[in-house]
Amino acid sequence: MASPKLSRHRQSKVGFFYIVTTVTDRRTPLFKDDRAARMVIHEINSCEYEGLVDSHAWVVMPDHIHWLVELRSGSLKACLQRFKSRSARAIHSMLGTSGAIWQPGFYDHYLRSDEDLRAQARYIALNPVRAGIVAKTEDYPHQWSRWIRNCAGL
């Protein structure tokens, strides 16, 4: 996972597309719990409803998430801070726990204009298949893509 030091010189731009990956603290598989995964999905959707990002695809894996977004306002760092803070509070409240939920920092990849958004969305959607969790993408309930049919999502 990316070091928090990497974010010092990170710049994000409104209107640009990014793939973001963030990992749970100590890679704890918190999101095997369906309720915790749904809380993360709720906070992903909240970031969109608040106008911070337009989501194009996401997957909530047992110990990390991948999220393809177009930044709509602010910075990617501020969006991820808000997302991680809110999702951690919600998960702690629901499960009656405390402590770190997320590792510090996150990894992001800026998508160049020649990179195919749909190919990136397919890559994200196939993550549970590559991990051996399911045989078909439509069998995994914690994912969504605007282009791929049968993604379960919410």
N, C-alpha and C. Protein backbone atom coordinates (compact mmCIF):
# COMPACT_ATOMS: atom_id res chain seq x y z
N MET A 1 0.85 -1.18 0.00
CA MET A 1 0.00 0.00 0.00
C MET A 1 0.88 1.22 0.00
N ALA A 2 0.37 2.28 -0.55
CA ALA A 2 1.12 3.52 -0.68
C ALA A 2 1.45 4.11 0.67
N SER A 3 2.64 4.64 0.78
CA SER A 3 3.06 5.31 2.00
C SER A 3 2.36 6.65 2.10
N PRO A 4 1.99 7.08 3.33
CA PRO A 4 1.38 8.40 3.48
C PRO A 4 2.30 9.51 2.99
N LYS A 5 3.61 9.24 2.97
CA LYS A 5 4.56 10.24 2.47
C LYS A 5 4.33 10.54 0.99
N LEU A 6 3.80 9.58 0.25
CA LEU A 6 3.57 9.78 -1.17
C LEU A 6 2.54 10.87 -1.44
N SER A 7 1.63 11.08 -0.48
CA SER A 7 0.56 12.05 -0.71
C SER A 7 1.04 13.49 -0.56
N ARG A 8 2.24 13.71 -0.06
CA ARG A 8 2.73 15.07 0.14
C ARG A 8 2.73 15.88 -1.15
N HIS A 9 3.14 15.28 -2.23
CA HIS A 9 3.23 16.00 -3.50
C HIS A 9 2.14 15.58 -4.48
N ARG A 10 1.18 14.81 -4.00
CA ARG A 10 0.09 14.33 -4.84
C ARG A 10 -0.81 15.51 -5.21
N GLN A 11 -1.13 15.60 -6.46
CA GLN A 11 -2.08 16.60 -6.92
C GLN A 11 -3.18 15.88 -7.69
N SER A 12 -4.40 16.27 -7.40
CA SER A 12 -5.51 15.70 -8.15
C SER A 12 -6.24 16.85 -8.82
N LYS A 13 -6.90 16.54 -9.91
CA LYS A 13 -7.57 17.57 -10.69
C LYS A 13 -9.02 17.20 -10.94
N VAL A 14 -9.88 18.18 -10.71
CA VAL A 14 -11.30 18.00 -10.98
C VAL A 14 -11.48 17.69 -12.46
N GLY A 15 -12.35 16.73 -12.74
CA GLY A 15 -12.62 16.33 -14.12
C GLY A 15 -11.74 15.20 -14.61
N PHE A 16 -10.76 14.79 -13.82
CA PHE A 16 -9.87 13.70 -14.21
C PHE A 16 -10.35 12.40 -13.57
N PHE A 17 -9.96 11.28 -14.19
CA PHE A 17 -10.37 9.96 -13.74
C PHE A 17 -9.23 9.28 -12.98
N TYR A 18 -9.59 8.59 -11.90
CA TYR A 18 -8.62 7.91 -11.05
C TYR A 18 -9.14 6.54 -10.65
N ILE A 19 -8.21 5.60 -10.52
CA ILE A 19 -8.51 4.35 -9.84
C ILE A 19 -7.85 4.47 -8.47
N VAL A 20 -8.66 4.26 -7.43
CA VAL A 20 -8.19 4.37 -6.06
C VAL A 20 -8.26 2.99 -5.41
N THR A 21 -7.23 2.65 -4.67
CA THR A 21 -7.22 1.43 -3.87
C THR A 21 -6.85 1.80 -2.45
N THR A 22 -7.63 1.32 -1.50
CA THR A 22 -7.31 1.51 -0.10
C THR A 22 -7.55 0.19 0.63
N VAL A 23 -6.73 -0.06 1.65
CA VAL A 23 -6.66 -1.36 2.30
C VAL A 23 -7.01 -1.23 3.78
N THR A 24 -7.64 -2.26 4.32
CA THR A 24 -7.95 -2.27 5.75
C THR A 24 -6.67 -2.38 6.57
N ASP A 25 -6.76 -1.92 7.81
CA ASP A 25 -5.64 -2.01 8.73
C ASP A 25 -5.22 -3.47 8.90
N ARG A 26 -3.95 -3.73 8.70
CA ARG A 26 -3.37 -5.07 8.81
C ARG A 26 -4.05 -6.10 7.90
N ARG A 27 -4.66 -5.58 6.85
CA ARG A 27 -5.37 -6.42 5.88
C ARG A 27 -6.40 -7.33 6.54
N THR A 28 -7.02 -6.83 7.58
CA THR A 28 -8.07 -7.57 8.26
C THR A 28 -9.27 -7.70 7.32
N PRO A 29 -9.79 -8.89 7.11
CA PRO A 29 -10.90 -9.08 6.17
C PRO A 29 -12.25 -8.65 6.75
N LEU A 30 -12.35 -7.40 7.13
CA LEU A 30 -13.57 -6.85 7.76
C LEU A 30 -14.79 -6.97 6.88
N PHE A 31 -14.59 -6.87 5.56
CA PHE A 31 -15.73 -6.79 4.66
C PHE A 31 -16.24 -8.15 4.22
N LYS A 32 -15.77 -9.21 4.88
CA LYS A 32 -16.44 -10.50 4.76
C LYS A 32 -17.79 -10.42 5.45
N ASP A 33 -17.86 -9.52 6.44
CA ASP A 33 -19.13 -9.23 7.13
C ASP A 33 -19.97 -8.38 6.18
N ASP A 34 -21.06 -8.92 5.74
CA ASP A 34 -21.93 -8.26 4.76
C ASP A 34 -22.36 -6.87 5.23
N ARG A 35 -22.61 -6.73 6.52
CA ARG A 35 -23.05 -5.44 7.05
C ARG A 35 -21.96 -4.39 6.90
N ALA A 36 -20.72 -4.76 7.18
CA ALA A 36 -19.60 -3.82 7.05
C ALA A 36 -19.39 -3.44 5.58
N ALA A 37 -19.49 -4.43 4.68
CA ALA A 37 -19.35 -4.15 3.25
C ALA A 37 -20.44 -3.18 2.79
N ARG A 38 -21.66 -3.37 3.27
CA ARG A 38 -22.76 -2.46 2.89
C ARG A 38 -22.53 -1.05 3.42
N MET A 39 -21.91 -0.92 4.60
CA MET A 39 -21.60 0.41 5.14
C MET A 39 -20.58 1.12 4.25
N VAL A 40 -19.59 0.37 3.76
CA VAL A 40 -18.59 0.95 2.86
C VAL A 40 -19.27 1.39 1.56
N ILE A 41 -20.15 0.57 1.04
CA ILE A 41 -20.87 0.92 -0.19
C ILE A 41 -21.72 2.17 0.04
N HIS A 42 -22.36 2.25 1.19
CA HIS A 42 -23.15 3.45 1.51
C HIS A 42 -22.27 4.70 1.49
N GLU A 43 -21.07 4.61 2.03
CA GLU A 43 -20.18 5.79 2.06
C GLU A 43 -19.61 6.10 0.67
N ILE A 44 -19.39 5.09 -0.15
CA ILE A 44 -19.01 5.34 -1.54
C ILE A 44 -20.11 6.15 -2.22
N ASN A 45 -21.35 5.70 -2.04
CA ASN A 45 -22.49 6.40 -2.64
C ASN A 45 -22.65 7.80 -2.06
N SER A 46 -22.36 7.98 -0.78
CA SER A 46 -22.46 9.32 -0.17
C SER A 46 -21.49 10.29 -0.82
N CYS A 47 -20.29 9.84 -1.12
CA CYS A 47 -19.31 10.71 -1.79
C CYS A 47 -19.84 11.17 -3.15
N GLU A 48 -20.55 10.29 -3.82
CA GLU A 48 -21.14 10.65 -5.11
C GLU A 48 -22.31 11.62 -4.90
N TYR A 49 -23.20 11.32 -3.97
CA TYR A 49 -24.37 12.17 -3.73
C TYR A 49 -23.95 13.58 -3.31
N GLU A 50 -22.84 13.69 -2.61
CA GLU A 50 -22.34 14.99 -2.16
C GLU A 50 -21.61 15.75 -3.25
N GLY A 51 -21.46 15.14 -4.41
CA GLY A 51 -20.83 15.82 -5.54
C GLY A 51 -19.32 15.81 -5.51
N LEU A 52 -18.72 14.95 -4.70
CA LEU A 52 -17.26 14.88 -4.65
C LEU A 52 -16.70 14.12 -5.84
N VAL A 53 -17.39 13.05 -6.23
CA VAL A 53 -16.94 12.20 -7.33
C VAL A 53 -18.14 11.70 -8.13
N ASP A 54 -17.86 11.26 -9.34
CA ASP A 54 -18.79 10.42 -10.08
C ASP A 54 -18.16 9.04 -10.09
N SER A 55 -18.84 8.07 -9.53
CA SER A 55 -18.33 6.70 -9.52
C SER A 55 -18.63 6.05 -10.86
N HIS A 56 -17.65 5.29 -11.35
CA HIS A 56 -17.83 4.54 -12.60
C HIS A 56 -17.77 3.05 -12.36
N ALA A 57 -17.07 2.64 -11.30
CA ALA A 57 -17.02 1.23 -10.91
C ALA A 57 -16.40 1.15 -9.52
N TRP A 58 -16.79 0.13 -8.77
CA TRP A 58 -16.14 -0.14 -7.50
C TRP A 58 -16.35 -1.61 -7.13
N VAL A 59 -15.45 -2.09 -6.28
CA VAL A 59 -15.59 -3.41 -5.70
C VAL A 59 -15.08 -3.33 -4.26
N VAL A 60 -15.84 -3.91 -3.35
CA VAL A 60 -15.45 -4.01 -1.95
C VAL A 60 -15.01 -5.45 -1.72
N MET A 61 -13.71 -5.63 -1.64
CA MET A 61 -13.14 -6.95 -1.39
C MET A 61 -13.07 -7.16 0.13
N PRO A 62 -12.76 -8.37 0.60
CA PRO A 62 -12.73 -8.59 2.04
C PRO A 62 -11.80 -7.65 2.82
N ASP A 63 -10.68 -7.25 2.22
CA ASP A 63 -9.73 -6.41 2.95
C ASP A 63 -9.29 -5.14 2.21
N HIS A 64 -9.96 -4.80 1.14
CA HIS A 64 -9.62 -3.58 0.41
C HIS A 64 -10.74 -3.21 -0.55
N ILE A 65 -10.62 -2.00 -1.10
CA ILE A 65 -11.57 -1.58 -2.14
C ILE A 65 -10.79 -1.06 -3.34
N HIS A 66 -11.41 -1.20 -4.51
CA HIS A 66 -10.97 -0.54 -5.74
C HIS A 66 -12.13 0.33 -6.18
N TRP A 67 -11.83 1.55 -6.62
CA TRP A 67 -12.88 2.51 -6.93
C TRP A 67 -12.42 3.36 -8.11
N LEU A 68 -13.17 3.33 -9.19
CA LEU A 68 -12.90 4.14 -10.38
C LEU A 68 -13.80 5.36 -10.32
N VAL A 69 -13.18 6.54 -10.23
CA VAL A 69 -13.95 7.77 -10.04
C VAL A 69 -13.49 8.87 -11.00
N GLU A 70 -14.41 9.78 -11.23
CA GLU A 70 -14.07 11.07 -11.84
C GLU A 70 -14.20 12.08 -10.71
N LEU A 71 -13.14 12.81 -10.43
CA LEU A 71 -13.17 13.80 -9.36
C LEU A 71 -14.03 14.98 -9.79
N ARG A 72 -15.01 15.34 -8.96
CA ARG A 72 -15.95 16.41 -9.30
C ARG A 72 -15.69 17.70 -8.52
N SER A 73 -15.16 17.59 -7.29
CA SER A 73 -14.84 18.80 -6.51
C SER A 73 -13.80 18.46 -5.45
N GLY A 74 -13.07 19.47 -5.03
CA GLY A 74 -12.05 19.28 -4.01
C GLY A 74 -10.88 18.47 -4.50
N SER A 75 -10.29 17.74 -3.59
CA SER A 75 -9.14 16.90 -3.94
C SER A 75 -9.47 15.44 -3.67
N LEU A 76 -8.75 14.58 -4.33
CA LEU A 76 -8.92 13.15 -4.11
C LEU A 76 -8.56 12.79 -2.67
N LYS A 77 -7.52 13.41 -2.16
CA LYS A 77 -7.09 13.16 -0.77
C LYS A 77 -8.21 13.51 0.21
N ALA A 78 -8.84 14.67 0.03
CA ALA A 78 -9.93 15.09 0.93
C ALA A 78 -11.12 14.13 0.82
N CYS A 79 -11.43 13.70 -0.40
CA CYS A 79 -12.53 12.75 -0.60
C CYS A 79 -12.25 11.45 0.12
N LEU A 80 -11.03 10.91 -0.02
CA LEU A 80 -10.70 9.65 0.63
C LEU A 80 -10.65 9.79 2.15
N GLN A 81 -10.18 10.93 2.63
CA GLN A 81 -10.20 11.14 4.08
C GLN A 81 -11.64 11.12 4.60
N ARG A 82 -12.52 11.81 3.91
CA ARG A 82 -13.93 11.83 4.31
C ARG A 82 -14.53 10.43 4.25
N PHE A 83 -14.30 9.74 3.15
CA PHE A 83 -14.82 8.39 2.97
C PHE A 83 -14.33 7.45 4.08
N LYS A 84 -13.03 7.45 4.34
CA LYS A 84 -12.46 6.54 5.32
C LYS A 84 -12.94 6.87 6.74
N SER A 85 -13.01 8.15 7.05
CA SER A 85 -13.47 8.57 8.38
C SER A 85 -14.92 8.16 8.61
N ARG A 86 -15.76 8.48 7.65
CA ARG A 86 -17.19 8.17 7.80
C ARG A 86 -17.46 6.67 7.81
N SER A 87 -16.78 5.93 6.95
CA SER A 87 -17.01 4.49 6.92
C SER A 87 -16.51 3.85 8.21
N ALA A 88 -15.39 4.32 8.74
CA ALA A 88 -14.87 3.77 10.00
C ALA A 88 -15.84 4.02 11.14
N ARG A 89 -16.35 5.26 11.23
CA ARG A 89 -17.32 5.56 12.30
C ARG A 89 -18.57 4.69 12.17
N ALA A 90 -19.06 4.54 10.95
CA ALA A 90 -20.27 3.75 10.74
C ALA A 90 -20.05 2.28 11.09
N ILE A 91 -18.91 1.74 10.70
CA ILE A 91 -18.61 0.33 10.99
C ILE A 91 -18.46 0.13 12.50
N HIS A 92 -17.74 1.03 13.16
CA HIS A 92 -17.57 0.92 14.61
C HIS A 92 -18.92 1.00 15.32
N SER A 93 -19.77 1.91 14.89
CA SER A 93 -21.08 2.07 15.51
C SER A 93 -21.91 0.80 15.34
N MET A 94 -21.88 0.24 14.15
CA MET A 94 -22.68 -0.94 13.85
C MET A 94 -22.15 -2.18 14.57
N LEU A 95 -20.81 -2.35 14.58
CA LEU A 95 -20.23 -3.57 15.15
C LEU A 95 -19.85 -3.44 16.62
N GLY A 96 -19.91 -2.22 17.16
CA GLY A 96 -19.51 -2.01 18.54
C GLY A 96 -18.03 -2.19 18.77
N THR A 97 -17.23 -1.78 17.80
CA THR A 97 -15.77 -1.95 17.87
C THR A 97 -15.09 -0.60 17.96
N SER A 98 -13.77 -0.63 18.05
CA SER A 98 -12.97 0.58 18.01
C SER A 98 -11.62 0.25 17.38
N GLY A 99 -10.82 1.27 17.14
CA GLY A 99 -9.50 1.06 16.54
C GLY A 99 -9.50 1.39 15.07
N ALA A 100 -8.35 1.16 14.46
CA ALA A 100 -8.18 1.49 13.05
C ALA A 100 -8.97 0.54 12.16
N ILE A 101 -9.61 1.10 11.17
CA ILE A 101 -10.29 0.30 10.13
C ILE A 101 -9.41 0.26 8.88
N TRP A 102 -8.84 1.40 8.52
CA TRP A 102 -8.08 1.56 7.28
C TRP A 102 -6.60 1.78 7.55
N GLN A 103 -5.76 1.30 6.63
CA GLN A 103 -4.35 1.68 6.66
C GLN A 103 -4.25 3.15 6.29
N PRO A 104 -3.23 3.84 6.78
CA PRO A 104 -3.03 5.23 6.35
C PRO A 104 -2.74 5.27 4.85
N GLY A 105 -3.12 6.36 4.23
CA GLY A 105 -2.82 6.56 2.81
C GLY A 105 -3.70 5.73 1.89
N PHE A 106 -3.42 5.85 0.62
CA PHE A 106 -4.12 5.09 -0.40
C PHE A 106 -3.28 5.13 -1.66
N TYR A 107 -3.57 4.25 -2.58
CA TYR A 107 -2.89 4.24 -3.87
C TYR A 107 -3.87 4.79 -4.89
N ASP A 108 -3.39 5.67 -5.76
CA ASP A 108 -4.25 6.12 -6.85
C ASP A 108 -3.48 6.10 -8.15
N HIS A 109 -4.21 5.85 -9.21
CA HIS A 109 -3.65 5.85 -10.55
C HIS A 109 -4.50 6.78 -11.40
N TYR A 110 -3.87 7.82 -11.91
CA TYR A 110 -4.54 8.76 -12.81
C TYR A 110 -4.67 8.08 -14.17
N LEU A 111 -5.87 8.11 -14.73
CA LEU A 111 -6.09 7.49 -16.04
C LEU A 111 -5.80 8.49 -17.14
N ARG A 112 -4.88 8.13 -17.99
CA ARG A 112 -4.56 8.97 -19.14
C ARG A 112 -5.69 8.90 -20.15
N SER A 113 -5.73 9.85 -21.04
CA SER A 113 -6.82 9.92 -22.00
C SER A 113 -6.89 8.69 -22.91
N ASP A 114 -5.77 8.00 -23.11
CA ASP A 114 -5.78 6.84 -23.99
C ASP A 114 -6.18 5.54 -23.27
N GLU A 115 -6.37 5.61 -21.97
CA GLU A 115 -6.77 4.42 -21.23
C GLU A 115 -8.29 4.27 -21.30
N ASP A 116 -8.73 3.07 -21.54
CA ASP A 116 -10.15 2.78 -21.71
C ASP A 116 -10.83 2.61 -20.35
N LEU A 117 -11.78 3.50 -20.05
CA LEU A 117 -12.49 3.43 -18.77
C LEU A 117 -13.22 2.10 -18.61
N ARG A 118 -13.81 1.62 -19.68
CA ARG A 118 -14.55 0.36 -19.59
C ARG A 118 -13.61 -0.81 -19.30
N ALA A 119 -12.42 -0.79 -19.86
CA ALA A 119 -11.45 -1.85 -19.57
C ALA A 119 -11.04 -1.79 -18.10
N GLN A 120 -10.88 -0.61 -17.58
CA GLN A 120 -10.54 -0.46 -16.16
C GLN A 120 -11.69 -0.96 -15.27
N ALA A 121 -12.91 -0.65 -15.68
CA ALA A 121 -14.08 -1.11 -14.93
C ALA A 121 -14.15 -2.64 -14.95
N ARG A 122 -13.87 -3.24 -16.10
CA ARG A 122 -13.85 -4.71 -16.19
C ARG A 122 -12.79 -5.29 -15.26
N TYR A 123 -11.61 -4.66 -15.24
CA TYR A 123 -10.53 -5.12 -14.37
C TYR A 123 -10.99 -5.11 -12.91
N ILE A 124 -11.66 -4.03 -12.51
CA ILE A 124 -12.16 -3.92 -11.13
C ILE A 124 -13.22 -4.99 -10.87
N ALA A 125 -14.16 -5.16 -11.79
CA ALA A 125 -15.24 -6.12 -11.61
C ALA A 125 -14.74 -7.56 -11.52
N LEU A 126 -13.64 -7.85 -12.20
CA LEU A 126 -13.10 -9.21 -12.19
C LEU A 126 -12.23 -9.51 -10.98
N ASN A 127 -12.00 -8.54 -10.12
CA ASN A 127 -11.14 -8.74 -8.96
C ASN A 127 -11.58 -9.91 -8.09
N PRO A 128 -12.87 -10.06 -7.76
CA PRO A 128 -13.28 -11.22 -6.94
C PRO A 128 -13.08 -12.56 -7.66
N VAL A 129 -13.17 -12.56 -8.99
CA VAL A 129 -12.93 -13.78 -9.76
C VAL A 129 -11.44 -14.13 -9.70
N ARG A 130 -10.59 -13.14 -9.95
CA ARG A 130 -9.14 -13.38 -9.89
C ARG A 130 -8.70 -13.83 -8.50
N ALA A 131 -9.38 -13.34 -7.46
CA ALA A 131 -9.04 -13.72 -6.09
C ALA A 131 -9.58 -15.09 -5.71
N GLY A 132 -10.38 -15.69 -6.60
CA GLY A 132 -10.93 -17.02 -6.33
C GLY A 132 -12.12 -17.02 -5.38
N ILE A 133 -12.73 -15.86 -5.17
CA ILE A 133 -13.87 -15.76 -4.26
C ILE A 133 -15.15 -16.25 -4.93
N VAL A 134 -15.30 -15.93 -6.22
CA VAL A 134 -16.46 -16.35 -7.00
C VAL A 134 -15.99 -16.80 -8.39
N ALA A 135 -16.85 -17.51 -9.09
CA ALA A 135 -16.52 -17.97 -10.44
C ALA A 135 -16.91 -16.94 -11.50
N LYS A 136 -17.97 -16.16 -11.21
CA LYS A 136 -18.47 -15.17 -12.15
C LYS A 136 -18.68 -13.84 -11.43
N THR A 137 -18.45 -12.74 -12.12
CA THR A 137 -18.59 -11.43 -11.49
C THR A 137 -19.98 -11.23 -10.90
N GLU A 138 -21.00 -11.71 -11.59
CA GLU A 138 -22.37 -11.48 -11.10
C GLU A 138 -22.67 -12.22 -9.80
N ASP A 139 -21.79 -13.14 -9.40
CA ASP A 139 -21.98 -13.85 -8.14
C ASP A 139 -21.46 -13.08 -6.93
N TYR A 140 -20.77 -11.96 -7.18
CA TYR A 140 -20.20 -11.20 -6.07
C TYR A 140 -21.09 -10.00 -5.77
N PRO A 141 -21.63 -9.92 -4.55
CA PRO A 141 -22.64 -8.90 -4.26
C PRO A 141 -22.11 -7.49 -4.01
N HIS A 142 -20.81 -7.33 -3.78
CA HIS A 142 -20.29 -6.02 -3.35
C HIS A 142 -19.49 -5.33 -4.44
N GLN A 143 -20.13 -5.16 -5.57
CA GLN A 143 -19.48 -4.46 -6.68
C GLN A 143 -20.53 -3.78 -7.54
N TRP A 144 -20.06 -2.84 -8.32
CA TRP A 144 -20.94 -2.13 -9.24
C TRP A 144 -20.09 -1.52 -10.34
N SER A 145 -20.66 -1.45 -11.53
CA SER A 145 -20.05 -0.75 -12.66
C SER A 145 -21.15 -0.18 -13.52
N ARG A 146 -20.92 1.02 -14.01
CA ARG A 146 -21.95 1.63 -14.85
C ARG A 146 -22.04 0.96 -16.21
N TRP A 147 -21.04 0.18 -16.60
CA TRP A 147 -21.05 -0.43 -17.94
C TRP A 147 -21.24 -1.92 -17.97
N ILE A 148 -21.04 -2.58 -16.85
CA ILE A 148 -21.06 -4.05 -16.87
C ILE A 148 -22.38 -4.55 -16.32
N ARG A 149 -23.09 -5.31 -17.11
CA ARG A 149 -24.37 -5.87 -16.68
C ARG A 149 -24.13 -6.92 -15.61
N ASN A 150 -25.15 -7.10 -14.80
CA ASN A 150 -25.17 -8.12 -13.77
C ASN A 150 -24.22 -7.86 -12.61
N CYS A 151 -23.67 -6.65 -12.50
CA CYS A 151 -22.94 -6.32 -11.27
C CYS A 151 -23.98 -6.11 -10.19
N ALA A 152 -23.80 -6.74 -9.09
CA ALA A 152 -24.83 -6.73 -8.06
C ALA A 152 -25.00 -5.36 -7.42
N GLY A 153 -23.94 -4.83 -6.82
CA GLY A 153 -24.02 -3.52 -6.17
C GLY A 153 -25.16 -3.46 -5.18
N LEU A 154 -25.80 -2.29 -5.12
CA LEU A 154 -26.97 -2.14 -4.24
C LEU A 154 -28.15 -1.68 -5.06
